[in-house]
């Protein structure tokens, strides 16, 4: 007899959506740009524009 005493394994992402996220809509992109401009976050705005224009992923942008 092989009786297991461990509880059954449940994954950490059970019930959550997995996979690629939907891309940002044009309206969302402009909303982010406006908020960065109003907050006078020039560096963040430049990095955001670079990421959007060159279609960089977040991990690639952090490496810059």
PDB file of N, CA and C in Angstrom:
ATOM      1  N   UNK A   1       0.826  -1.183   0.000  1.00  0.00           N
ATOM      2  CA  UNK A   1       0.000   0.000   0.000  1.00  0.00           C
ATOM      3  C   UNK A   1       0.871   1.247   0.000  1.00  0.00           C
ATOM      4  N   UNK A   2       0.521   2.158  -0.869  1.00  0.00           N
ATOM      5  CA  UNK A   2       1.254   3.412  -0.981  1.00  0.00           C
ATOM      6  C   UNK A   2       0.290   4.546  -0.638  1.00  0.00           C
ATOM      7  N   UNK A   3       0.300   4.991   0.583  1.00  0.00           N
ATOM      8  CA  UNK A   3      -0.618   6.029   1.039  1.00  0.00           C
ATOM      9  C   UNK A   3       0.179   7.313   1.227  1.00  0.00           C
ATOM     10  N   UNK A   4      -0.267   8.370   0.569  1.00  0.00           N
ATOM     11  CA  UNK A   4       0.406   9.655   0.674  1.00  0.00           C
ATOM     12  C   UNK A   4      -0.176  10.453   1.837  1.00  0.00           C
ATOM     13  N   UNK A   5       0.704  11.073   2.609  1.00  0.00           N
ATOM     14  CA  UNK A   5       0.246  11.869   3.741  1.00  0.00           C
ATOM     15  C   UNK A   5       0.259  13.360   3.422  1.00  0.00           C
ATOM     16  N   UNK A   6       0.723  13.744   2.246  1.00  0.00           N
ATOM     17  CA  UNK A   6       0.771  15.143   1.855  1.00  0.00           C
ATOM     18  C   UNK A   6      -0.568  15.553   1.249  1.00  0.00           C
ATOM     19  N   UNK A   7      -0.990  16.812   1.487  1.00  0.00           N
ATOM     20  CA  UNK A   7      -2.228  17.280   0.863  1.00  0.00           C
ATOM     21  C   UNK A   7      -2.011  17.441  -0.645  1.00  0.00           C
ATOM     22  N   UNK A   8      -3.067  17.403  -1.438  1.00  0.00           N
ATOM     23  CA  UNK A   8      -2.905  17.547  -2.891  1.00  0.00           C
ATOM     24  C   UNK A   8      -2.345  18.927  -3.239  1.00  0.00           C
ATOM     25  N   UNK A   9      -1.556  18.962  -4.288  1.00  0.00           N
ATOM     26  CA  UNK A   9      -0.899  20.195  -4.728  1.00  0.00           C
ATOM     27  C   UNK A   9      -1.907  21.102  -5.433  1.00  0.00           C
ATOM     28  N   UNK A  10      -1.949  22.382  -5.054  1.00  0.00           N
ATOM     29  CA  UNK A  10      -2.769  23.363  -5.761  1.00  0.00           C
ATOM     30  C   UNK A  10      -1.845  24.471  -6.255  1.00  0.00           C
ATOM     31  N   UNK A  11      -1.915  24.807  -7.534  1.00  0.00           N
ATOM     32  CA  UNK A  11      -1.036  25.846  -8.073  1.00  0.00           C
ATOM     33  C   UNK A  11      -1.385  27.220  -7.508  1.00  0.00           C
ATOM     34  N   UNK A  12      -0.378  28.085  -7.461  1.00  0.00           N
ATOM     35  CA  UNK A  12      -0.567  29.427  -6.915  1.00  0.00           C
ATOM     36  C   UNK A  12      -1.415  30.326  -7.791  1.00  0.00           C
ATOM     37  N   UNK A  13      -1.499  30.029  -9.086  1.00  0.00           N
ATOM     38  CA  UNK A  13      -2.275  30.870  -9.988  1.00  0.00           C
ATOM     39  C   UNK A  13      -3.621  30.237 -10.352  1.00  0.00           C
ATOM     40  N   UNK A  14      -4.122  29.387  -9.503  1.00  0.00           N
ATOM     41  CA  UNK A  14      -5.384  28.718  -9.780  1.00  0.00           C
ATOM     42  C   UNK A  14      -6.522  29.740  -9.800  1.00  0.00           C
ATOM     43  N   UNK A  15      -7.296  29.724 -10.856  1.00  0.00           N
ATOM     44  CA  UNK A  15      -8.421  30.633 -10.994  1.00  0.00           C
ATOM     45  C   UNK A  15      -8.063  31.986 -11.575  1.00  0.00           C
ATOM     46  N   UNK A  16      -6.798  32.230 -11.855  1.00  0.00           N
ATOM     47  CA  UNK A  16      -6.374  33.510 -12.415  1.00  0.00           C
ATOM     48  C   UNK A  16      -6.146  33.367 -13.915  1.00  0.00           C
ATOM     49  N   UNK A  17      -6.278  34.482 -14.627  1.00  0.00           N
ATOM     50  CA  UNK A  17      -5.987  34.476 -16.045  1.00  0.00           C
ATOM     51  C   UNK A  17      -4.472  34.455 -16.233  1.00  0.00           C
ATOM     52  N   UNK A  18      -3.995  33.591 -17.086  1.00  0.00           N
ATOM     53  CA  UNK A  18      -2.570  33.511 -17.361  1.00  0.00           C
ATOM     54  C   UNK A  18      -2.345  33.795 -18.837  1.00  0.00           C
ATOM     55  N   UNK A  19      -1.144  34.162 -19.164  1.00  0.00           N
ATOM     56  CA  UNK A  19      -0.807  34.416 -20.557  1.00  0.00           C
ATOM     57  C   UNK A  19      -0.487  35.881 -20.791  1.00  0.00           C
ATOM     58  N   UNK A  20      -0.411  36.233 -22.044  1.00  0.00           N
ATOM     59  CA  UNK A  20      -0.019  37.573 -22.445  1.00  0.00           C
ATOM     60  C   UNK A  20      -1.132  38.569 -22.157  1.00  0.00           C
ATOM     61  N   UNK A  21      -0.758  39.740 -21.683  1.00  0.00           N
ATOM     62  CA  UNK A  21      -1.733  40.789 -21.404  1.00  0.00           C
ATOM     63  C   UNK A  21      -2.132  41.475 -22.704  1.00  0.00           C
ATOM     64  N   UNK A  22      -3.290  42.105 -22.684  1.00  0.00           N
ATOM     65  CA  UNK A  22      -3.733  42.844 -23.865  1.00  0.00           C
ATOM     66  C   UNK A  22      -2.900  44.118 -23.988  1.00  0.00           C
ATOM     67  N   UNK A  23      -2.648  44.570 -25.211  1.00  0.00           N
ATOM     68  CA  UNK A  23      -1.845  45.785 -25.386  1.00  0.00           C
ATOM     69  C   UNK A  23      -2.611  47.023 -24.926  1.00  0.00           C
ATOM     70  N   UNK A  24      -1.853  48.065 -24.613  1.00  0.00           N
ATOM     71  CA  UNK A  24      -2.470  49.319 -24.203  1.00  0.00           C
ATOM     72  C   UNK A  24      -3.228  49.933 -25.373  1.00  0.00           C
ATOM     73  N   UNK A  25      -4.370  50.520 -25.077  1.00  0.00           N
ATOM     74  CA  UNK A  25      -5.128  51.229 -26.107  1.00  0.00           C
ATOM     75  C   UNK A  25      -4.534  52.617 -26.260  1.00  0.00           C
ATOM     76  N   UNK A  26      -4.772  53.227 -27.398  1.00  0.00           N
ATOM     77  CA  UNK A  26      -4.233  54.554 -27.688  1.00  0.00           C
ATOM     78  C   UNK A  26      -4.702  55.564 -26.648  1.00  0.00           C
ATOM     79  N   UNK A  27      -5.937  55.435 -26.197  1.00  0.00           N
ATOM     80  CA  UNK A  27      -6.481  56.328 -25.174  1.00  0.00           C
ATOM     81  C   UNK A  27      -5.704  56.196 -23.866  1.00  0.00           C
ATOM     82  N   UNK A  28      -5.341  54.979 -23.518  1.00  0.00           N
ATOM     83  CA  UNK A  28      -4.582  54.749 -22.286  1.00  0.00           C
ATOM     84  C   UNK A  28      -3.167  55.317 -22.379  1.00  0.00           C
ATOM     85  N   UNK A  29      -2.558  55.171 -23.541  1.00  0.00           N
ATOM     86  CA  UNK A  29      -1.205  55.698 -23.749  1.00  0.00           C
ATOM     87  C   UNK A  29      -1.188  57.213 -23.575  1.00  0.00           C
ATOM     88  N   UNK A  30      -2.167  57.889 -24.179  1.00  0.00           N
ATOM     89  CA  UNK A  30      -2.212  59.345 -24.062  1.00  0.00           C
ATOM     90  C   UNK A  30      -2.531  59.780 -22.645  1.00  0.00           C
ATOM     91  N   UNK A  31      -3.340  59.007 -21.936  1.00  0.00           N
ATOM     92  CA  UNK A  31      -3.648  59.348 -20.548  1.00  0.00           C
ATOM     93  C   UNK A  31      -2.388  59.263 -19.680  1.00  0.00           C
ATOM     94  N   UNK A  32      -1.570  58.256 -19.912  1.00  0.00           N
ATOM     95  CA  UNK A  32      -0.319  58.122 -19.162  1.00  0.00           C
ATOM     96  C   UNK A  32       0.624  59.266 -19.500  1.00  0.00           C
ATOM     97  N   UNK A  33       0.721  59.606 -20.779  1.00  0.00           N
ATOM     98  CA  UNK A  33       1.602  60.705 -21.192  1.00  0.00           C
ATOM     99  C   UNK A  33       1.191  62.024 -20.550  1.00  0.00           C
ATOM    100  N   UNK A  34      -0.101  62.299 -20.538  1.00  0.00           N
ATOM    101  CA  UNK A  34      -0.587  63.560 -19.967  1.00  0.00           C
ATOM    102  C   UNK A  34      -0.302  63.611 -18.469  1.00  0.00           C
ATOM    103  N   UNK A  35      -0.526  62.507 -17.773  1.00  0.00           N
ATOM    104  CA  UNK A  35      -0.285  62.492 -16.327  1.00  0.00           C
ATOM    105  C   UNK A  35       1.198  62.676 -16.008  1.00  0.00           C
ATOM    106  N   UNK A  36       2.067  62.100 -16.830  1.00  0.00           N
ATOM    107  CA  UNK A  36       3.500  62.281 -16.605  1.00  0.00           C
ATOM    108  C   UNK A  36       3.916  63.721 -16.888  1.00  0.00           C
ATOM    109  N   UNK A  37       3.312  64.337 -17.897  1.00  0.00           N
ATOM    110  CA  UNK A  37       3.620  65.732 -18.201  1.00  0.00           C
ATOM    111  C   UNK A  37       3.148  66.652 -17.084  1.00  0.00           C
ATOM    112  N   UNK A  38       1.939  66.424 -16.577  1.00  0.00           N
ATOM    113  CA  UNK A  38       1.408  67.268 -15.508  1.00  0.00           C
ATOM    114  C   UNK A  38       2.217  67.126 -14.225  1.00  0.00           C
ATOM    115  N   UNK A  39       2.755  65.933 -13.993  1.00  0.00           N
ATOM    116  CA  UNK A  39       3.568  65.696 -12.803  1.00  0.00           C
ATOM    117  C   UNK A  39       5.019  66.144 -12.995  1.00  0.00           C
ATOM    118  N   UNK A  40       5.320  66.652 -14.188  1.00  0.00           N
ATOM    119  CA  UNK A  40       6.682  67.110 -14.533  1.00  0.00           C
ATOM    120  C   UNK A  40       7.718  66.009 -14.327  1.00  0.00           C
ATOM    121  N   UNK A  41       7.386  64.805 -14.731  1.00  0.00           N
ATOM    122  CA  UNK A  41       8.283  63.650 -14.648  1.00  0.00           C
ATOM    123  C   UNK A  41       8.914  63.448 -16.030  1.00  0.00           C
ATOM    124  N   UNK A  42       9.880  64.293 -16.366  1.00  0.00           N
ATOM    125  CA  UNK A  42      10.481  64.300 -17.698  1.00  0.00           C
ATOM    126  C   UNK A  42      11.198  62.993 -18.003  1.00  0.00           C
ATOM    127  N   UNK A  43      11.935  62.484 -17.031  1.00  0.00           N
ATOM    128  CA  UNK A  43      12.687  61.238 -17.246  1.00  0.00           C
ATOM    129  C   UNK A  43      11.743  60.076 -17.506  1.00  0.00           C
ATOM    130  N   UNK A  44      10.707  59.964 -16.677  1.00  0.00           N
ATOM    131  CA  UNK A  44       9.747  58.875 -16.843  1.00  0.00           C
ATOM    132  C   UNK A  44       8.998  58.989 -18.169  1.00  0.00           C
ATOM    133  N   UNK A  45       8.673  60.216 -18.560  1.00  0.00           N
ATOM    134  CA  UNK A  45       7.994  60.428 -19.831  1.00  0.00           C
ATOM    135  C   UNK A  45       8.891  60.027 -21.000  1.00  0.00           C
ATOM    136  N   UNK A  46      10.177  60.362 -20.915  1.00  0.00           N
ATOM    137  CA  UNK A  46      11.111  59.985 -21.979  1.00  0.00           C
ATOM    138  C   UNK A  46      11.249  58.464 -22.076  1.00  0.00           C
ATOM    139  N   UNK A  47      11.354  57.782 -20.938  1.00  0.00           N
ATOM    140  CA  UNK A  47      11.443  56.323 -20.950  1.00  0.00           C
ATOM    141  C   UNK A  47      10.159  55.682 -21.466  1.00  0.00           C
ATOM    142  N   UNK A  48       9.011  56.247 -21.089  1.00  0.00           N
ATOM    143  CA  UNK A  48       7.734  55.721 -21.561  1.00  0.00           C
ATOM    144  C   UNK A  48       7.619  55.884 -23.073  1.00  0.00           C
ATOM    145  N   UNK A  49       7.978  57.063 -23.580  1.00  0.00           N
ATOM    146  CA  UNK A  49       7.923  57.293 -25.027  1.00  0.00           C
ATOM    147  C   UNK A  49       8.877  56.367 -25.770  1.00  0.00           C
ATOM    148  N   UNK A  50      10.059  56.151 -25.213  1.00  0.00           N
ATOM    149  CA  UNK A  50      11.023  55.236 -25.827  1.00  0.00           C
ATOM    150  C   UNK A  50      10.457  53.823 -25.891  1.00  0.00           C
ATOM    151  N   UNK A  51       9.849  53.386 -24.806  1.00  0.00           N
ATOM    152  CA  UNK A  51       9.292  52.028 -24.751  1.00  0.00           C
ATOM    153  C   UNK A  51       8.155  51.866 -25.746  1.00  0.00           C
ATOM    154  N   UNK A  52       7.276  52.853 -25.823  1.00  0.00           N
ATOM    155  CA  UNK A  52       6.135  52.765 -26.736  1.00  0.00           C
ATOM    156  C   UNK A  52       6.602  52.838 -28.190  1.00  0.00           C
ATOM    157  N   UNK A  53       7.499  53.764 -28.483  1.00  0.00           N
ATOM    158  CA  UNK A  53       7.939  53.948 -29.868  1.00  0.00           C
ATOM    159  C   UNK A  53       8.736  52.763 -30.387  1.00  0.00           C
ATOM    160  N   UNK A  54       9.529  52.129 -29.526  1.00  0.00           N
ATOM    161  CA  UNK A  54      10.366  51.021 -29.980  1.00  0.00           C
ATOM    162  C   UNK A  54       9.771  49.660 -29.616  1.00  0.00           C
ATOM    163  N   UNK A  55       8.595  49.663 -28.997  1.00  0.00           N
ATOM    164  CA  UNK A  55       7.886  48.436 -28.620  1.00  0.00           C
ATOM    165  C   UNK A  55       8.736  47.541 -27.709  1.00  0.00           C
ATOM    166  N   UNK A  56       9.418  48.179 -26.759  1.00  0.00           N
ATOM    167  CA  UNK A  56      10.234  47.417 -25.812  1.00  0.00           C
ATOM    168  C   UNK A  56       9.357  46.764 -24.755  1.00  0.00           C
ATOM    169  N   UNK A  57       9.817  45.646 -24.242  1.00  0.00           N
ATOM    170  CA  UNK A  57       9.165  45.014 -23.101  1.00  0.00           C
ATOM    171  C   UNK A  57       9.675  45.676 -21.829  1.00  0.00           C
ATOM    172  N   UNK A  58       8.957  45.485 -20.741  1.00  0.00           N
ATOM    173  CA  UNK A  58       9.332  46.106 -19.473  1.00  0.00           C
ATOM    174  C   UNK A  58      10.706  45.672 -18.999  1.00  0.00           C
ATOM    175  N   UNK A  59      11.034  44.395 -19.148  1.00  0.00           N
ATOM    176  CA  UNK A  59      12.338  43.911 -18.680  1.00  0.00           C
ATOM    177  C   UNK A  59      13.473  44.492 -19.524  1.00  0.00           C
ATOM    178  N   UNK A  60      13.226  44.692 -20.817  1.00  0.00           N
ATOM    179  CA  UNK A  60      14.258  45.294 -21.671  1.00  0.00           C
ATOM    180  C   UNK A  60      14.467  46.759 -21.312  1.00  0.00           C
ATOM    181  N   UNK A  61      13.388  47.446 -20.974  1.00  0.00           N
ATOM    182  CA  UNK A  61      13.482  48.861 -20.625  1.00  0.00           C
ATOM    183  C   UNK A  61      14.246  49.041 -19.317  1.00  0.00           C
ATOM    184  N   UNK A  62      14.051  48.150 -18.372  1.00  0.00           N
ATOM    185  CA  UNK A  62      14.752  48.235 -17.090  1.00  0.00           C
ATOM    186  C   UNK A  62      16.252  48.023 -17.298  1.00  0.00           C
ATOM    187  N   UNK A  63      16.622  47.179 -18.238  1.00  0.00           N
ATOM    188  CA  UNK A  63      18.043  46.934 -18.517  1.00  0.00           C
ATOM    189  C   UNK A  63      18.734  48.147 -19.091  1.00  0.00           C
ATOM    190  N   UNK A  64      17.991  49.047 -19.729  1.00  0.00           N
ATOM    191  CA  UNK A  64      18.602  50.279 -20.250  1.00  0.00           C
ATOM    192  C   UNK A  64      19.040  51.150 -19.097  1.00  0.00           C
TER     193      UNK A  64
END
